[in-house]
Amino acid sequence: MANAIEIKNRIKSINDTMKITKAMYMISSNKLQKAKSNRQATEPFFYGVQAQISRLLRHFPDIRHIYFDNREKDMQEVVKKKGFLVVTADKGLAGAYNHNVLKTAEKLIKEAEDPYVYVIGQLGYHFFLGKDIPLKEEFLYTAQNPTMHRARVISDRIIEDYLEEKLDAVYMVYTRMANAMEEEVVVEQLLPLKRQKYTGELNPELIMQDSVQEEFEFLPSPEVLLEHIVPSGITGYIYGALIESYSCEQNARMTAMKAATDNATKMLHDLSIQYNRVRQASITQEINEVVGGAKALKRKKSQK
């Protein structure tokens, strides 16, 4: 059994660790609220962009465009080459957040033939390097700082590779909140866009989602209009996914830090009981030694 000094030192060490876990919990909570606020501030614009795309497709249901059709020359729309944008974190201590998204991404990448892999986050970068999975590009300073500028840089690069026909389809693997307590890994197709998403499964929060009956005249053409507004829609979706992943990371870290703090509290309780028992045993032993010494002196005096 450890002595009182060792137990006391361990109690001090756990108390110091608890200060760190509590501080990390509070920091993650603040970052989570800030991320939600940033997303709410930009949502109306991108809902409006999606609504305009939806309205255009409703009025021109037969329109073909490279953003919605796999390839003009490939009428069968067979996906040959896939790209994956994987969103991870720059730091750990977030429970199973990184493990879940990397496990899903690794499975999809191994099933694809010669895939293009774009990764966000240092943990994902080092994970794929360790698995000898070649990376097309790693977007630095994005996981911990999801901004509109970073989302635009990412979307421009992906759209460029898609338009140059280096890719036939692009998927985004990220994490979103299923509810207030649970997170789930999501695989969404970024390109080509799915018509049904804009015509048959409209988001209830989209602005101006009701069909307008009046005639429209587009100058120069609906195709040119799509070329301008679709990239903004993709940028908005990527930005929303980055914010969602960042929020999930902070939420997972809050959960992990709370669990660590609770475990530390339980350990302190057990160590306090153990310390008291050791201290009481030590005191009892000292008393027994004093009493034993007194009796020995008394016997020695009586013998004299």
Protein backbone atom coordinates (compact mmCIF):
# COMPACT_ATOMS: atom_id res chain seq x y z
CA MET A 1 0.00 0.00 0.00
CA ALA A 2 1.24 3.50 -0.84
CA ASN A 3 2.22 5.70 2.04
CA ALA A 4 0.52 8.98 2.94
CA ILE A 5 3.06 11.15 1.13
CA GLU A 6 2.64 9.25 -2.17
CA ILE A 7 -1.15 9.44 -1.94
CA LYS A 8 -0.99 13.14 -1.15
CA ASN A 9 1.24 13.79 -4.16
CA ARG A 10 -1.15 11.85 -6.38
CA ILE A 11 -4.10 13.88 -5.08
CA LYS A 12 -2.23 17.07 -5.94
CA SER A 13 -1.46 15.78 -9.44
CA ILE A 14 -5.12 14.89 -10.08
CA ASN A 15 -6.24 18.31 -8.82
CA ASP A 16 -3.85 19.96 -11.29
CA THR A 17 -5.22 17.79 -14.11
CA MET A 18 -8.79 18.70 -13.16
CA LYS A 19 -7.97 22.38 -13.54
CA ILE A 20 -6.86 21.69 -17.10
CA THR A 21 -9.89 19.57 -18.03
CA LYS A 22 -12.28 22.16 -16.59
CA ALA A 23 -10.52 24.95 -18.50
CA MET A 24 -10.65 22.95 -21.74
CA TYR A 25 -14.35 22.31 -21.19
CA MET A 26 -15.06 26.02 -20.80
CA ILE A 27 -12.93 26.92 -23.85
CA SER A 28 -14.68 24.34 -26.04
CA SER A 29 -18.07 25.56 -24.83
CA ASN A 30 -17.20 29.12 -25.82
CA LYS A 31 -15.88 28.02 -29.24
CA LEU A 32 -19.03 25.97 -29.84
CA GLN A 33 -21.31 28.94 -29.20
CA LYS A 34 -19.18 31.17 -31.43
CA ALA A 35 -19.26 28.62 -34.27
CA LYS A 36 -23.05 28.34 -34.10
CA SER A 37 -23.35 32.11 -34.16
CA ASN A 38 -21.12 32.38 -37.25
CA ARG A 39 -23.17 29.78 -39.09
CA GLN A 40 -26.48 31.44 -38.28
CA ALA A 41 -25.12 34.73 -39.60
CA THR A 42 -24.34 33.26 -43.04
CA GLU A 43 -27.21 30.79 -43.47
CA PRO A 44 -29.76 33.21 -45.02
CA PHE A 45 -27.51 34.03 -47.99
CA PHE A 46 -26.81 30.42 -48.88
CA TYR A 47 -30.41 29.40 -48.35
CA GLY A 48 -31.23 32.11 -50.87
CA VAL A 49 -28.66 30.73 -53.34
CA GLN A 50 -30.14 27.24 -53.05
CA ALA A 51 -33.62 28.67 -53.54
CA GLN A 52 -32.57 30.40 -56.74
CA ILE A 53 -31.03 27.19 -58.09
CA SER A 54 -34.20 25.32 -57.20
CA ARG A 55 -36.40 27.92 -58.93
CA LEU A 56 -34.26 27.83 -62.06
CA LEU A 57 -34.48 24.02 -62.27
CA ARG A 58 -38.24 24.10 -61.79
CA HIS A 59 -38.64 26.48 -64.71
CA PHE A 60 -36.09 24.66 -66.89
CA PRO A 61 -36.44 20.97 -65.94
CA ASP A 62 -34.69 19.75 -69.10
CA ILE A 63 -31.60 21.91 -68.76
CA ARG A 64 -28.29 20.05 -68.84
CA HIS A 65 -25.19 21.40 -67.20
CA ILE A 66 -21.83 20.00 -66.16
CA TYR A 67 -22.58 20.80 -62.50
CA PHE A 68 -25.68 18.61 -62.58
CA ASP A 69 -24.72 16.01 -65.17
CA ASN A 70 -21.73 13.78 -64.87
CA ARG A 71 -20.34 14.54 -68.33
CA GLU A 72 -22.02 15.77 -71.50
CA LYS A 73 -20.17 13.16 -73.54
CA ASP A 74 -21.10 10.37 -71.15
CA MET A 75 -24.85 9.95 -71.42
CA GLN A 76 -24.75 6.93 -69.11
CA GLU A 77 -23.32 9.17 -66.36
CA VAL A 78 -21.00 6.45 -65.10
CA VAL A 79 -18.79 7.64 -62.25
CA LYS A 80 -15.22 6.67 -63.10
CA LYS A 81 -13.00 8.69 -60.79
CA LYS A 82 -13.94 9.85 -57.31
CA GLY A 83 -12.62 12.55 -55.05
CA PHE A 84 -13.06 12.72 -51.28
CA LEU A 85 -12.87 15.79 -49.07
CA VAL A 86 -12.29 14.48 -45.53
CA VAL A 87 -12.77 16.81 -42.56
CA THR A 88 -10.86 15.98 -39.36
CA ALA A 89 -9.43 18.00 -36.48
CA ASP A 90 -5.99 19.44 -35.78
CA LYS A 91 -6.05 18.20 -32.18
CA GLY A 92 -7.07 15.12 -30.23
CA LEU A 93 -8.73 14.80 -26.82
CA ALA A 94 -12.12 14.74 -28.53
CA GLY A 95 -13.30 11.19 -27.87
CA ALA A 96 -14.08 9.15 -30.99
CA TYR A 97 -14.65 12.22 -33.20
CA ASN A 98 -11.59 11.73 -35.43
CA HIS A 99 -11.64 7.93 -35.32
CA ASN A 100 -15.20 7.69 -36.65
CA VAL A 101 -14.74 10.00 -39.63
CA LEU A 102 -11.35 8.50 -40.57
CA LYS A 103 -12.72 4.96 -40.39
CA THR A 104 -15.56 5.85 -42.76
CA ALA A 105 -13.28 7.76 -45.14
CA GLU A 106 -10.68 4.98 -45.26
CA LYS A 107 -13.33 2.44 -46.25
CA LEU A 108 -14.64 4.63 -49.07
CA ILE A 109 -11.16 5.46 -50.34
CA LYS A 110 -10.09 1.81 -50.45
CA GLU A 111 -13.22 0.92 -52.44
CA ALA A 112 -12.51 3.63 -55.04
CA GLU A 113 -10.09 3.26 -57.92
CA ASP A 114 -7.21 5.78 -57.84
CA PRO A 115 -9.13 8.36 -55.78
CA TYR A 116 -8.29 12.01 -55.22
CA VAL A 117 -8.07 12.67 -51.49
CA TYR A 118 -8.33 16.19 -50.07
CA VAL A 119 -7.91 16.35 -46.32
CA ILE A 120 -8.62 19.01 -43.72
CA GLY A 121 -6.98 18.67 -40.30
CA GLN A 122 -3.57 17.57 -39.08
CA LEU A 123 -4.85 14.30 -37.61
CA GLY A 124 -6.31 13.24 -40.95
CA TYR A 125 -3.14 14.29 -42.75
CA HIS A 126 -0.90 12.15 -40.54
CA PHE A 127 -3.40 9.27 -40.56
CA PHE A 128 -3.41 8.96 -44.36
CA LEU A 129 0.36 9.35 -44.54
CA GLY A 130 0.68 6.48 -42.08
CA LYS A 131 -1.63 4.36 -44.26
CA ASP A 132 0.39 5.19 -47.41
CA ILE A 133 -2.69 6.80 -48.98
CA PRO A 134 -1.56 9.55 -51.41
CA LEU A 135 -3.07 12.97 -50.80
CA LYS A 136 -4.02 15.38 -53.54
CA GLU A 137 -3.93 18.34 -51.18
CA GLU A 138 -4.03 19.16 -47.47
CA PHE A 139 -5.72 22.41 -46.52
CA LEU A 140 -3.76 23.84 -43.59
CA TYR A 141 -5.15 26.14 -40.90
CA THR A 142 -8.77 25.27 -41.70
CA ALA A 143 -10.01 22.80 -39.07
CA GLN A 144 -9.44 25.18 -36.16
CA ASN A 145 -10.40 28.28 -38.13
CA PRO A 146 -13.31 27.58 -40.50
CA THR A 147 -13.88 30.80 -42.45
CA MET A 148 -15.68 31.71 -45.64
CA HIS A 149 -12.35 32.44 -47.31
CA ARG A 150 -11.03 28.96 -46.51
CA ALA A 151 -14.25 27.37 -47.77
CA ARG A 152 -13.95 29.33 -51.03
CA VAL A 153 -10.33 28.23 -51.51
CA ILE A 154 -11.36 24.60 -51.05
CA SER A 155 -14.38 24.82 -53.36
CA ASP A 156 -12.36 26.59 -56.08
CA ARG A 157 -9.76 23.82 -56.08
CA ILE A 158 -12.33 21.02 -56.18
CA ILE A 159 -14.42 22.70 -58.88
CA GLU A 160 -11.28 23.30 -60.93
CA ASP A 161 -10.36 19.60 -60.85
CA TYR A 162 -13.95 18.66 -61.65
CA LEU A 163 -14.27 21.02 -64.62
CA GLU A 164 -10.95 19.78 -65.98
CA GLU A 165 -12.50 16.29 -65.86
CA LYS A 166 -9.89 14.95 -63.45
CA LEU A 167 -12.85 13.86 -61.33
CA ASP A 168 -16.29 12.51 -62.13
CA ALA A 169 -17.72 12.88 -58.63
CA VAL A 170 -16.66 14.52 -55.36
CA TYR A 171 -17.82 13.47 -51.91
CA MET A 172 -17.43 15.21 -48.58
CA VAL A 173 -16.94 13.14 -45.43
CA TYR A 174 -17.59 15.08 -42.25
CA THR A 175 -19.38 14.92 -38.89
CA ARG A 176 -22.65 16.59 -37.96
CA MET A 177 -24.89 16.71 -34.92
CA ALA A 178 -27.67 14.13 -35.07
CA ASN A 179 -29.16 15.71 -31.95
CA ALA A 180 -27.96 17.57 -28.87
CA MET A 181 -26.16 14.48 -27.55
CA GLU A 182 -25.18 12.38 -30.59
CA GLU A 183 -22.93 12.93 -33.60
CA GLU A 184 -22.89 11.06 -36.89
CA VAL A 185 -20.50 10.78 -39.82
CA VAL A 186 -22.05 11.98 -43.08
CA VAL A 187 -21.01 11.31 -46.67
CA GLU A 188 -22.48 13.94 -49.01
CA GLN A 189 -22.00 14.23 -52.76
CA LEU A 190 -20.72 17.69 -53.64
CA LEU A 191 -20.44 17.21 -57.41
CA PRO A 192 -22.28 16.58 -59.60
CA LEU A 193 -25.25 18.14 -57.84
CA LYS A 194 -28.39 16.03 -57.49
CA ARG A 195 -31.42 17.51 -59.18
CA GLN A 196 -33.79 15.84 -56.75
CA LYS A 197 -32.20 17.77 -53.90
CA TYR A 198 -33.39 21.01 -55.50
CA THR A 199 -36.64 19.87 -57.08
CA GLY A 200 -38.09 17.04 -55.02
CA GLU A 201 -36.55 17.31 -51.54
CA LEU A 202 -36.47 21.00 -50.73
CA ASN A 203 -35.15 22.18 -47.40
CA PRO A 204 -38.08 23.67 -45.46
CA GLU A 205 -35.88 26.59 -44.44
CA LEU A 206 -35.12 27.63 -48.00
CA ILE A 207 -36.14 31.17 -48.76
CA MET A 208 -38.75 31.68 -51.50
CA GLN A 209 -39.22 27.95 -51.94
CA ASP A 210 -42.69 28.20 -53.48
CA SER A 211 -42.80 28.00 -57.24
CA VAL A 212 -43.45 31.32 -59.01
CA GLN A 213 -45.74 31.17 -61.99
CA GLU A 214 -44.65 34.28 -63.92
CA GLU A 215 -42.34 34.00 -66.92
CA PHE A 216 -38.59 34.62 -66.57
CA GLU A 217 -36.11 35.95 -69.05
CA PHE A 218 -32.46 35.13 -68.48
CA LEU A 219 -29.62 37.09 -70.00
CA PRO A 220 -27.42 35.74 -71.35
CA SER A 221 -28.78 32.25 -70.47
CA PRO A 222 -29.75 29.91 -67.59
CA GLU A 223 -26.54 27.93 -68.18
CA VAL A 224 -24.38 30.99 -67.59
CA LEU A 225 -26.38 31.82 -64.49
CA LEU A 226 -25.72 28.34 -63.10
CA GLU A 227 -22.01 28.78 -63.73
CA HIS A 228 -22.04 31.76 -61.39
CA ILE A 229 -24.38 30.71 -58.59
CA VAL A 230 -23.52 27.01 -58.26
CA PRO A 231 -19.94 27.67 -57.04
CA SER A 232 -21.38 29.97 -54.37
CA GLY A 233 -23.78 27.22 -53.33
CA ILE A 234 -20.96 24.67 -53.10
CA THR A 235 -18.84 27.15 -51.12
CA GLY A 236 -21.74 27.67 -48.74
CA TYR A 237 -22.25 23.94 -48.29
CA ILE A 238 -18.55 23.37 -47.57
CA TYR A 239 -18.51 26.27 -45.12
CA GLY A 240 -21.57 24.89 -43.36
CA ALA A 241 -19.96 21.43 -43.17
CA LEU A 242 -16.74 22.93 -41.77
CA ILE A 243 -18.70 24.78 -39.09
CA GLU A 244 -20.74 21.65 -38.32
CA SER A 245 -17.59 19.53 -38.00
CA TYR A 246 -15.92 22.17 -35.85
CA SER A 247 -19.00 22.30 -33.61
CA CYS A 248 -19.01 18.50 -33.32
CA GLU A 249 -15.32 18.54 -32.42
CA GLN A 250 -15.89 21.06 -29.64
CA ASN A 251 -18.96 19.17 -28.42
CA ALA A 252 -16.99 15.89 -28.38
CA ARG A 253 -14.15 17.58 -26.52
CA MET A 254 -16.60 19.00 -23.98
CA THR A 255 -18.00 15.51 -23.43
CA ALA A 256 -14.51 14.02 -23.10
CA MET A 257 -13.36 16.72 -20.68
CA LYS A 258 -16.52 16.37 -18.58
CA ALA A 259 -15.99 12.61 -18.39
CA ALA A 260 -12.34 13.17 -17.43
CA THR A 261 -13.35 15.65 -14.73
CA ASP A 262 -15.99 13.28 -13.36
CA ASN A 263 -13.48 10.41 -13.29
CA ALA A 264 -10.94 12.65 -11.56
CA THR A 265 -13.54 13.60 -8.95
CA LYS A 266 -14.26 9.92 -8.29
CA MET A 267 -10.54 9.17 -8.06
CA LEU A 268 -10.08 12.02 -5.58
CA HIS A 269 -12.91 10.63 -3.46
CA ASP A 270 -11.33 7.16 -3.41
CA LEU A 271 -7.85 8.54 -2.75
CA SER A 272 -9.16 10.71 0.11
CA ILE A 273 -10.63 7.64 1.76
CA GLN A 274 -7.39 5.73 1.17
CA TYR A 275 -5.33 8.65 2.52
CA ASN A 276 -7.47 8.87 5.65
CA ARG A 277 -7.13 5.14 6.25
CA VAL A 278 -3.34 5.26 5.82
CA ARG A 279 -3.15 8.32 8.06
CA GLN A 280 -5.33 6.70 10.70
CA ALA A 281 -3.25 3.52 10.54
CA SER A 282 -0.09 5.59 10.90
CA ILE A 283 -1.50 7.43 13.91
CA THR A 284 -2.67 4.17 15.47
CA GLN A 285 0.76 2.67 14.95
CA GLU A 286 2.43 5.69 16.55
CA ILE A 287 0.07 5.49 19.53
CA ASN A 288 0.79 1.77 19.90
CA GLU A 289 4.49 2.48 19.82
CA VAL A 290 4.17 5.20 22.46
CA VAL A 291 2.04 2.96 24.69
CA GLY A 292 4.39 0.05 24.13
CA GLY A 293 7.38 2.22 25.00
CA ALA A 294 5.67 3.54 28.14
CA LYS A 295 4.87 0.00 29.29
CA ALA A 296 8.45 -1.07 28.65
CA LEU A 297 9.78 1.83 30.76
CA LYS A 298 7.31 1.02 33.50
CA ARG A 299 8.40 -2.62 33.55
CA LYS A 300 12.04 -1.58 33.59
CA LYS A 301 11.47 0.70 36.58
CA SER A 302 9.53 -1.98 38.48
CA GLN A 303 12.34 -4.48 37.91
CA LYS A 304 14.83 -2.05 39.43
